[in-house]
């Protein structure tokens, strides 16, 4: 009985570890832009998912802050960014086929202003 319980516990630990390794993150490296909207869609589409900024405690992605993305799997994405003033722009073809994070830089949001 102990051996089967130990094997079951070990299987659970392995499953949780594999799940934890699939944490996706957006990192805001802009100097001053705070985003109230961060939406992902499969690259080349406008099938925007939910506002990922709502995952943050203050519902925004501030400069130098990392945002945990929920409900995301590996793939290529377009990212729609909406700043606090309501200006929107799209960062095209973000490759997360192997990576689990991406950066947002000032050059990415020049079209927002």
Protein backbone atom coordinates (compact mmCIF):
# COMPACT_ATOMS: atom_id res chain seq x y z
CA UNK A 1 0.00 0.00 0.00
CA UNK A 2 2.80 2.41 0.87
CA UNK A 3 4.56 1.82 -2.45
CA UNK A 4 1.44 2.66 -4.46
CA UNK A 5 0.78 5.78 -2.36
CA UNK A 6 4.38 6.89 -2.84
CA UNK A 7 4.16 6.27 -6.59
CA UNK A 8 0.93 8.28 -6.76
CA UNK A 9 2.49 11.17 -4.85
CA UNK A 10 5.55 11.11 -7.08
CA UNK A 11 3.29 11.22 -10.17
CA UNK A 12 1.48 14.24 -8.75
CA UNK A 13 4.75 16.07 -8.07
CA UNK A 14 5.93 15.43 -11.64
CA UNK A 15 2.60 16.64 -13.07
CA UNK A 16 2.63 19.82 -10.96
CA UNK A 17 6.26 20.52 -11.91
CA UNK A 18 5.46 20.14 -15.61
CA UNK A 19 2.47 22.47 -15.25
CA UNK A 20 4.51 25.07 -13.35
CA UNK A 21 7.12 25.09 -16.12
CA UNK A 22 4.45 26.30 -18.58
CA UNK A 23 4.01 29.74 -17.01
CA UNK A 24 3.77 32.42 -19.70
CA UNK A 25 4.81 36.01 -18.97
CA UNK A 26 4.73 39.42 -20.67
CA UNK A 27 7.40 41.84 -19.48
CA UNK A 28 6.82 45.59 -19.88
CA UNK A 29 10.24 47.14 -20.54
CA UNK A 30 8.88 50.50 -21.71
CA UNK A 31 10.10 53.62 -19.92
CA UNK A 32 6.70 55.09 -19.03
CA UNK A 33 3.81 53.25 -20.68
CA UNK A 34 1.24 51.53 -18.49
CA UNK A 35 -1.14 49.15 -20.25
CA UNK A 36 -4.73 48.60 -19.21
CA UNK A 37 -5.25 46.07 -22.00
CA UNK A 38 -3.09 43.14 -23.13
CA UNK A 39 -4.85 40.81 -25.56
CA UNK A 40 -3.43 37.84 -27.47
CA UNK A 41 -4.69 36.34 -30.74
CA UNK A 42 -3.23 33.64 -32.94
CA UNK A 43 -0.85 35.44 -35.31
CA UNK A 44 -2.59 36.87 -38.36
CA UNK A 45 -6.07 36.80 -36.80
CA UNK A 46 -8.21 39.16 -34.76
CA UNK A 47 -9.51 36.44 -32.44
CA UNK A 48 -8.51 38.37 -29.32
CA UNK A 49 -8.58 36.48 -26.07
CA UNK A 50 -9.45 37.97 -22.68
CA UNK A 51 -7.72 41.03 -21.29
CA UNK A 52 -4.63 39.57 -19.61
CA UNK A 53 -4.03 42.83 -17.70
CA UNK A 54 -6.94 41.82 -15.47
CA UNK A 55 -4.66 39.07 -14.09
CA UNK A 56 -2.63 41.76 -12.29
CA UNK A 57 -3.67 42.97 -8.84
CA UNK A 58 -4.26 46.55 -10.09
CA UNK A 59 -5.49 45.41 -13.53
CA UNK A 60 -2.62 47.12 -15.36
CA UNK A 61 0.81 46.22 -16.69
CA UNK A 62 3.16 48.92 -15.42
CA UNK A 63 6.69 49.71 -16.66
CA UNK A 64 9.24 47.13 -15.44
CA UNK A 65 6.43 44.79 -14.38
CA UNK A 66 5.90 41.19 -15.45
CA UNK A 67 2.40 39.92 -16.15
CA UNK A 68 1.45 36.25 -15.86
CA UNK A 69 -0.60 35.22 -18.89
CA UNK A 70 -3.40 32.73 -18.30
CA UNK A 71 -4.91 30.26 -20.74
CA UNK A 72 -1.97 30.52 -23.16
CA UNK A 73 -0.24 27.66 -24.93
CA UNK A 74 2.88 27.68 -27.09
CA UNK A 75 2.39 29.34 -30.47
CA UNK A 76 2.75 32.55 -32.47
CA UNK A 77 0.65 35.50 -31.38
CA UNK A 78 -0.28 39.05 -32.22
CA UNK A 79 -0.50 41.11 -29.04
CA UNK A 80 -2.91 44.04 -28.85
CA UNK A 81 -1.70 46.59 -26.32
CA UNK A 82 -3.95 49.35 -24.99
CA UNK A 83 -2.39 52.11 -22.92
CA UNK A 84 -4.20 53.92 -20.10
CA UNK A 85 -5.24 56.73 -22.50
CA UNK A 86 -6.98 54.17 -24.73
CA UNK A 87 -4.44 54.21 -27.57
CA UNK A 88 -4.06 50.76 -29.10
CA UNK A 89 -1.33 49.14 -31.15
CA UNK A 90 -0.40 45.62 -32.16
CA UNK A 91 2.89 43.82 -31.68
CA UNK A 92 2.82 41.29 -34.52
CA UNK A 93 4.05 37.70 -34.67
CA UNK A 94 5.35 37.17 -31.16
CA UNK A 95 7.03 33.77 -31.25
CA UNK A 96 6.25 31.72 -28.17
CA UNK A 97 6.57 28.34 -29.85
CA UNK A 98 9.53 27.55 -27.60
CA UNK A 99 9.70 30.58 -25.28
CA UNK A 100 7.36 31.24 -22.38
CA UNK A 101 7.79 35.02 -22.24
CA UNK A 102 8.07 38.10 -24.41
CA UNK A 103 9.12 41.70 -23.88
CA UNK A 104 7.28 44.91 -24.70
CA UNK A 105 9.67 47.75 -25.53
CA UNK A 106 9.21 51.42 -26.38
CA UNK A 107 9.80 50.68 -30.09
CA UNK A 108 6.86 48.24 -29.99
CA UNK A 109 4.40 50.91 -28.86
CA UNK A 110 5.43 53.95 -30.90
CA UNK A 111 2.28 53.50 -33.01
CA UNK A 112 0.15 53.82 -29.86
CA UNK A 113 1.01 57.48 -29.33
